[in-house]
Amino acid sequence: MTVQEFFDKWVGKSIDFDGIYGFQCVDLFKQYNKEVVGSPNVNGNAIDYWNTYPQGYTKVPNSATNCPVAGDVIIWGKLVGQFGHIAICKVADANQFTSLDQNWYVQIDGTGTCQFITHTYYGVLGWLRPTSLIEQTPAEEVITDMTEQDLINFIVSQKGKDALDHALTDGDEQSTFYNRDKAKLWQKVNEIDSRPPVQQVQPETTVTLTPDASNTASLSPMPADRENMVVVLDWIKELISKLKL
């Protein structure tokens, strides 16, 4: 099952994976781990998964220089509650992210349902990135279901704003074409991102005439009668003869 198929299946519904404590956030994670990642289950509270998580994941600490991608499992610490919180990333940028959560607003009684919620990074420890997700879910399958703004945020977070700007202006097609065909835009971003760096063009060598002080010392003054072209041309010839490269 792909990440998007999992979202479509469970948004608006409740999951009680283990049959105890009602619909907790960890039930959502356990269901995701089973249906999308396919790893053996590990029990614990949400915060516990930061240090003890199923096989098949790579731990990525939260920092100002990275952000999660679709399918990452985001984990909060005790700043949002005694047991932390856990959710599945849908889309993210450097300032915020949207994830599929269960029991976010009701942390104790387990009456929550799965819903998309936009968060800041307050309290986020980091995220678990499924190592099998890249093979199972090509990026094109995920982005075609994104809104245009979600796609833009995703591209900027993965490739940078320059890659997005270049893709929107590269080639004969206009940006509106890529906005209508999001998979084509993502393909264009990847094409540009994989190109070798553009070689810097060296500036042309310029030649500067340097007067020889010993020769120009005896140069005649600029003729006063500048409207007389014959006189001016003779003065120019004299100047050139006294200059050297």
Protein backbone atom coordinates (compact mmCIF):
# COMPACT_ATOMS: atom_id res chain seq x y z
CA MET A 1 0.00 0.00 0.00
CA THR A 2 1.27 3.47 -0.85
CA VAL A 3 1.29 6.40 1.56
CA GLN A 4 -1.50 8.12 -0.37
CA GLU A 5 -3.63 4.97 -0.34
CA PHE A 6 -3.19 4.76 3.41
CA PHE A 7 -4.28 8.41 3.78
CA ASP A 8 -7.34 7.82 1.61
CA LYS A 9 -8.30 4.71 3.56
CA TRP A 10 -8.08 6.13 7.08
CA VAL A 11 -8.72 9.90 7.02
CA GLY A 12 -11.93 10.60 8.94
CA LYS A 13 -11.91 7.14 10.55
CA SER A 14 -10.69 5.76 13.87
CA ILE A 15 -8.07 3.06 14.45
CA ASP A 16 -7.81 0.90 17.58
CA PHE A 17 -4.99 -1.39 16.50
CA ASP A 18 -4.39 -3.14 19.81
CA GLY A 19 -7.95 -3.04 21.17
CA ILE A 20 -7.01 -1.16 24.35
CA TYR A 21 -7.11 2.50 25.44
CA GLY A 22 -9.32 3.52 22.53
CA PHE A 23 -8.16 5.40 19.44
CA GLN A 24 -4.65 6.54 20.29
CA CYS A 25 -2.02 8.14 18.06
CA VAL A 26 0.17 5.04 18.40
CA ASP A 27 -2.65 2.96 16.90
CA LEU A 28 -2.36 5.04 13.74
CA PHE A 29 1.39 4.45 13.63
CA LYS A 30 1.05 0.72 14.21
CA GLN A 31 -1.51 0.48 11.39
CA TYR A 32 0.79 2.47 9.08
CA ASN A 33 3.78 0.35 10.05
CA LYS A 34 1.82 -2.79 9.19
CA GLU A 35 0.10 -1.73 5.96
CA VAL A 36 2.71 0.54 4.33
CA VAL A 37 6.11 -0.30 5.80
CA GLY A 38 5.49 -3.97 6.66
CA SER A 39 7.74 -4.10 9.72
CA PRO A 40 7.07 -6.14 12.90
CA ASN A 41 5.17 -4.21 15.57
CA VAL A 42 6.91 -2.68 18.60
CA ASN A 43 4.83 -1.57 21.60
CA GLY A 44 5.30 1.68 23.47
CA ASN A 45 4.03 5.21 23.99
CA ALA A 46 4.53 7.71 21.18
CA ILE A 47 7.63 9.25 22.75
CA ASP A 48 9.19 5.80 23.24
CA TYR A 49 9.42 5.22 19.49
CA TRP A 50 12.11 7.87 19.21
CA ASN A 51 14.57 5.48 20.85
CA THR A 52 12.88 2.10 20.29
CA TYR A 53 11.31 1.76 16.86
CA PRO A 54 10.61 -1.10 14.44
CA GLN A 55 13.24 -2.21 11.97
CA GLY A 56 13.07 -0.63 8.53
CA TYR A 57 13.33 3.01 9.61
CA THR A 58 16.07 5.61 9.76
CA LYS A 59 15.93 8.20 12.57
CA VAL A 60 16.25 11.84 11.44
CA PRO A 61 16.59 14.45 14.22
CA ASN A 62 14.62 17.68 13.84
CA SER A 63 16.83 20.64 12.91
CA ALA A 64 16.60 24.01 11.20
CA THR A 65 18.25 22.61 8.06
CA ASN A 66 15.90 19.73 7.21
CA CYS A 67 12.23 18.81 7.14
CA PRO A 68 10.22 15.60 6.79
CA VAL A 69 8.84 14.21 3.53
CA ALA A 70 5.59 12.42 2.74
CA GLY A 71 5.49 9.12 4.62
CA ASP A 72 7.89 10.06 7.41
CA VAL A 73 6.70 9.22 10.92
CA ILE A 74 6.93 12.39 13.02
CA ILE A 75 7.51 12.08 16.77
CA TRP A 76 6.92 14.72 19.45
CA GLY A 77 8.45 14.80 22.93
CA LYS A 78 6.96 15.76 26.29
CA LEU A 79 6.42 19.42 25.32
CA VAL A 80 3.04 18.35 23.87
CA GLY A 81 2.10 15.85 26.56
CA GLN A 82 3.43 13.24 28.96
CA PHE A 83 3.43 10.48 26.34
CA GLY A 84 4.45 12.60 23.35
CA HIS A 85 2.66 12.26 20.02
CA ILE A 86 3.19 10.50 16.69
CA ALA A 87 1.77 11.16 13.20
CA ILE A 88 2.41 10.51 9.49
CA CYS A 89 3.74 13.36 7.35
CA LYS A 90 1.77 14.39 4.27
CA VAL A 91 3.72 17.46 3.16
CA ALA A 92 6.21 19.82 4.80
CA ASP A 93 8.37 22.87 4.40
CA ALA A 94 10.90 24.58 6.65
CA ASN A 95 8.24 26.35 8.74
CA GLN A 96 5.37 23.87 9.10
CA PHE A 97 4.03 20.51 8.03
CA THR A 98 0.72 18.74 7.53
CA SER A 99 0.33 15.22 8.89
CA LEU A 100 -2.31 12.56 9.40
CA ASP A 101 -2.97 12.51 13.15
CA GLN A 102 -5.20 10.58 15.49
CA ASN A 103 -6.07 11.84 18.98
CA TRP A 104 -4.10 15.09 18.61
CA TYR A 105 -6.69 17.32 20.22
CA VAL A 106 -7.74 14.70 22.83
CA GLN A 107 -4.50 13.28 24.18
CA ILE A 108 -5.87 11.19 27.06
CA ASP A 109 -9.28 9.60 26.47
CA GLY A 110 -8.62 8.12 23.03
CA THR A 111 -11.72 9.43 21.26
CA GLY A 112 -9.88 11.00 18.34
CA THR A 113 -10.22 10.21 14.65
CA CYS A 114 -7.63 10.38 11.86
CA GLN A 115 -7.45 13.84 10.32
CA PHE A 116 -4.99 16.08 8.54
CA ILE A 117 -3.57 18.74 10.86
CA THR A 118 -1.03 21.47 10.13
CA HIS A 119 1.67 21.88 12.79
CA THR A 120 4.72 23.96 13.54
CA TYR A 121 7.87 22.12 14.67
CA TYR A 122 7.27 22.95 18.33
CA GLY A 123 8.06 19.90 20.44
CA VAL A 124 9.09 17.71 17.49
CA LEU A 125 12.03 15.43 18.26
CA GLY A 126 12.40 14.29 14.67
CA TRP A 127 11.00 11.64 12.36
CA LEU A 128 11.45 8.05 11.31
CA ARG A 129 11.98 7.63 7.57
CA PRO A 130 10.94 4.22 6.19
CA THR A 131 13.89 2.78 4.27
CA SER A 132 11.51 0.78 2.05
CA LEU A 133 9.28 3.73 1.21
CA ILE A 134 11.46 5.06 -1.62
CA GLU A 135 11.22 1.73 -3.47
CA GLN A 136 7.51 1.25 -2.82
CA THR A 137 6.26 4.75 -3.54
CA PRO A 138 7.83 6.75 -6.38
CA ALA A 139 7.59 10.50 -5.80
CA GLU A 140 5.34 10.92 -8.83
CA GLU A 141 2.63 8.74 -7.25
CA VAL A 142 2.51 10.98 -4.19
CA ILE A 143 2.72 14.42 -5.74
CA THR A 144 -0.05 13.92 -8.28
CA ASP A 145 -2.52 13.87 -5.40
CA MET A 146 -1.16 17.03 -3.80
CA THR A 147 -2.66 20.46 -4.14
CA GLU A 148 -0.59 22.91 -6.15
CA GLN A 149 0.60 24.71 -3.01
CA ASP A 150 1.48 21.42 -1.31
CA LEU A 151 3.54 20.47 -4.34
CA ILE A 152 5.37 23.80 -4.33
CA ASN A 153 6.16 23.41 -0.63
CA PHE A 154 7.34 19.83 -1.24
CA ILE A 155 9.66 20.83 -4.10
CA VAL A 156 11.14 23.74 -2.17
CA SER A 157 11.77 21.51 0.85
CA GLN A 158 13.45 18.78 -1.26
CA LYS A 159 15.26 20.70 -3.99
CA GLY A 160 15.25 24.38 -2.99
CA LYS A 161 13.45 27.39 -4.41
CA ASP A 162 15.95 27.85 -7.24
CA ALA A 163 15.08 24.39 -8.63
CA LEU A 164 11.39 25.29 -8.60
CA ASP A 165 11.97 28.65 -10.28
CA HIS A 166 14.14 27.07 -12.97
CA ALA A 167 11.60 24.33 -13.67
CA LEU A 168 8.80 26.83 -14.06
CA THR A 169 10.73 28.81 -16.66
CA ASP A 170 12.82 26.13 -18.39
CA GLY A 171 12.00 25.15 -21.96
CA ASP A 172 9.25 26.37 -24.27
CA GLU A 173 6.31 25.53 -22.01
CA GLN A 174 5.02 28.14 -19.59
CA SER A 175 4.56 27.65 -15.86
CA THR A 176 0.80 27.16 -16.26
CA PHE A 177 1.50 23.92 -18.16
CA TYR A 178 3.48 22.51 -15.25
CA ASN A 179 0.89 23.67 -12.74
CA ARG A 180 -1.73 21.61 -14.57
CA ASP A 181 0.54 18.57 -14.82
CA LYS A 182 2.21 18.23 -11.42
CA ALA A 183 4.04 15.03 -12.32
CA LYS A 184 5.61 16.83 -15.28
CA LEU A 185 6.76 19.64 -13.00
CA TRP A 186 8.38 17.20 -10.59
CA GLN A 187 10.09 15.45 -13.50
CA LYS A 188 11.42 18.79 -14.75
CA VAL A 189 12.76 19.67 -11.29
CA ASN A 190 14.63 16.36 -11.16
CA GLU A 191 16.02 16.85 -14.66
CA ILE A 192 17.36 20.28 -13.77
CA ASP A 193 18.66 19.11 -10.41
CA SER A 194 20.70 16.35 -12.10
CA ARG A 195 22.33 18.56 -14.71
CA PRO A 196 26.04 19.30 -14.33
CA PRO A 197 26.85 22.75 -13.01
CA VAL A 198 26.90 25.49 -15.61
CA GLN A 199 30.43 26.47 -16.53
CA GLN A 200 31.14 30.07 -15.81
CA VAL A 201 32.02 32.04 -18.93
CA GLN A 202 35.36 33.72 -18.61
CA PRO A 203 35.25 37.42 -19.43
CA GLU A 204 36.95 38.47 -22.64
CA THR A 205 40.45 39.82 -22.28
CA THR A 206 40.55 43.57 -22.77
CA VAL A 207 43.53 45.51 -24.06
CA THR A 208 44.42 48.75 -22.37
CA LEU A 209 46.56 51.36 -24.03
CA THR A 210 49.23 52.53 -21.61
CA PRO A 211 50.97 55.76 -22.46
CA ASP A 212 54.72 55.88 -22.25
CA ALA A 213 55.46 58.94 -20.16
CA SER A 214 58.77 59.49 -21.91
CA ASN A 215 57.08 59.62 -25.32
CA THR A 216 53.95 61.56 -24.40
CA ALA A 217 55.83 64.26 -22.56
CA SER A 218 56.47 66.01 -25.88
CA LEU A 219 52.94 65.42 -27.20
CA SER A 220 51.42 68.50 -28.72
CA PRO A 221 48.42 69.93 -26.89
CA MET A 222 44.94 69.10 -28.16
CA PRO A 223 44.33 71.47 -31.09
CA ALA A 224 42.03 74.33 -30.25
CA ASP A 225 40.50 74.28 -33.72
CA ARG A 226 38.64 70.99 -33.17
CA GLU A 227 36.27 71.57 -36.04
CA ASN A 228 39.19 71.29 -38.45
CA MET A 229 39.20 67.50 -38.99
CA VAL A 230 42.57 67.52 -40.71
CA VAL A 231 44.20 69.12 -37.67
CA VAL A 232 42.43 66.76 -35.23
CA LEU A 233 43.36 63.64 -37.23
CA ASP A 234 47.00 64.70 -37.34
CA TRP A 235 46.95 65.10 -33.54
CA ILE A 236 45.41 61.66 -33.09
CA LYS A 237 48.05 60.08 -35.31
CA GLU A 238 50.73 61.76 -33.22
CA LEU A 239 49.10 60.42 -30.02
CA ILE A 240 48.94 56.85 -31.36
CA SER A 241 52.55 56.93 -32.41
CA LYS A 242 53.56 57.80 -28.86
CA LEU A 243 51.49 55.05 -27.20
CA LYS A 244 52.40 51.40 -26.89
CA LEU A 245 50.47 48.35 -25.72
